[in-house]
Amino acid sequence: MVGAAEEIANIRTLYLMSEYRKSFGIYVKLYVSTALSALKRGIRFTTLSTATTALRLQSLYLSMGGRLLGHVPLRGLSVDVAVFVMDLEELVASAVAKRIVARD
C-alpha cells in the first residue's frame, strides 16, 4: 500500500501557455510549490498524468521521483494516458527540483 487514503491527493492539471513552454523550469516550480502546500496539509502522495506521446514530460516526472503506474487507453483519444504516482517528499528533494528552485 502506498499510504493511507488521507495522504493521497491528485494534483490538478497544470496548463502552461505556449509562450512559457520553452523549458520545464516553470512546471517544476509549480509542482514544487503545490507539493509543499500539500505536504503542510498532510498529503504525501499524488498522481500525475500526461499523454503517452509527451515523452519529455514523462521524463521530467521520472526525474522528480515519479513512478509510472501504467498506460490507460481512453476511448475517443488518439493516444493513451500515462499515469504516475509521486511521493511529494521525493519531488521536493529531487535534484531537478533543487536545481530549478535555486535559480530564483
Protein backbone atom coordinates (compact mmCIF):
# COMPACT_ATOMS: atom_id res chain seq x y z
CA MET A 1 0.00 0.00 0.00
CA VAL A 2 1.34 3.43 -0.93
CA GLY A 3 -0.15 5.28 2.01
CA ALA A 4 -3.34 5.94 3.91
CA ALA A 5 -6.18 7.45 1.92
CA GLU A 6 -5.79 10.69 3.84
CA GLU A 7 -2.24 11.02 2.48
CA ILE A 8 -3.15 10.72 -1.18
CA ALA A 9 -4.31 13.55 -3.45
CA ASN A 10 -4.37 14.35 -7.14
CA ILE A 11 -2.59 17.45 -8.40
CA ARG A 12 -4.94 19.01 -10.87
CA THR A 13 -3.86 19.62 -14.41
CA LEU A 14 -1.38 22.45 -14.78
CA TYR A 15 -1.79 24.13 -18.15
CA LEU A 16 1.03 26.33 -19.28
CA MET A 17 0.52 28.87 -22.06
CA SER A 18 2.59 28.01 -25.13
CA GLU A 19 4.83 31.07 -24.86
CA TYR A 20 6.13 29.77 -21.49
CA ARG A 21 6.79 26.20 -22.64
CA LYS A 22 10.39 26.77 -23.73
CA SER A 23 11.69 24.94 -20.67
CA PHE A 24 10.29 22.80 -17.90
CA GLY A 25 11.51 25.16 -15.18
CA ILE A 26 8.09 26.74 -14.69
CA TYR A 27 6.47 23.27 -14.46
CA VAL A 28 8.97 22.25 -11.79
CA LYS A 29 8.35 25.45 -9.81
CA LEU A 30 4.59 24.89 -9.97
CA TYR A 31 4.91 21.26 -8.90
CA VAL A 32 7.27 22.09 -6.02
CA SER A 33 5.01 24.90 -4.81
CA THR A 34 1.96 22.62 -4.95
CA ALA A 35 3.87 19.79 -3.26
CA LEU A 36 4.99 22.00 -0.37
CA SER A 37 1.43 23.20 0.16
CA ALA A 38 0.10 19.64 0.07
CA LEU A 39 2.77 18.34 2.47
CA LYS A 40 1.79 21.05 5.00
CA ARG A 41 -1.75 19.63 4.86
CA GLY A 42 -0.67 16.04 5.46
CA ILE A 43 -0.77 14.90 1.84
CA ARG A 44 2.22 12.73 0.96
CA PHE A 45 1.38 11.17 -2.43
CA THR A 46 -0.26 12.36 -5.62
CA THR A 47 -0.97 11.13 -9.10
CA LEU A 48 0.08 12.84 -12.30
CA SER A 49 -0.86 12.02 -15.86
CA THR A 50 0.04 13.04 -19.38
CA ALA A 51 -0.27 11.76 -22.92
CA THR A 52 1.96 8.80 -23.72
CA THR A 53 3.39 10.87 -26.59
CA ALA A 54 4.65 13.56 -24.16
CA LEU A 55 7.99 11.83 -23.63
CA ARG A 56 9.84 14.90 -22.27
CA LEU A 57 7.14 15.48 -19.64
CA GLN A 58 7.20 11.79 -18.67
CA SER A 59 10.97 12.03 -18.32
CA LEU A 60 10.53 15.08 -16.06
CA TYR A 61 8.06 13.17 -13.85
CA LEU A 62 10.55 10.30 -13.55
CA SER A 63 13.43 12.68 -12.72
CA MET A 64 11.33 14.17 -9.91
CA GLY A 65 10.75 10.72 -8.38
CA GLY A 66 7.56 9.71 -10.18
CA ARG A 67 6.75 6.04 -10.70
CA LEU A 68 4.90 5.00 -13.82
CA LEU A 69 1.79 3.03 -12.90
CA GLY A 70 0.82 2.28 -16.48
CA HIS A 71 -0.84 3.46 -19.65
CA VAL A 72 -4.59 3.90 -19.85
CA PRO A 73 -6.40 3.87 -23.20
CA LEU A 74 -9.23 6.37 -23.34
CA ARG A 75 -11.93 6.00 -25.94
CA GLY A 76 -12.02 8.95 -28.29
CA LEU A 77 -8.37 9.94 -27.78
CA SER A 78 -5.72 9.13 -30.33
CA VAL A 79 -3.12 8.45 -27.60
CA ASP A 80 -3.12 6.66 -24.27
CA VAL A 81 -2.59 8.42 -20.95
CA ALA A 82 0.48 7.65 -18.83
CA VAL A 83 -0.34 7.66 -15.10
CA PHE A 84 2.31 8.24 -12.43
CA VAL A 85 2.32 8.21 -8.63
CA MET A 86 4.57 10.75 -6.93
CA ASP A 87 5.90 10.87 -3.39
CA LEU A 88 5.81 14.62 -2.69
CA GLU A 89 8.76 14.48 -0.31
CA GLU A 90 10.84 12.87 -3.07
CA LEU A 91 9.65 15.51 -5.54
CA VAL A 92 10.76 18.38 -3.29
CA ALA A 93 14.09 16.65 -2.55
CA SER A 94 14.82 15.71 -6.18
CA ALA A 95 17.94 17.10 -7.83
CA VAL A 96 15.93 18.69 -10.64
CA ALA A 97 13.62 20.47 -8.17
CA LYS A 98 16.54 21.76 -6.10
CA ARG A 99 18.36 22.99 -9.22
CA ILE A 100 15.34 24.84 -10.65
CA VAL A 101 14.24 26.38 -7.34
CA ALA A 102 17.81 27.52 -6.59
CA ARG A 103 17.77 29.65 -9.76
CA ASP A 104 15.35 32.11 -8.14
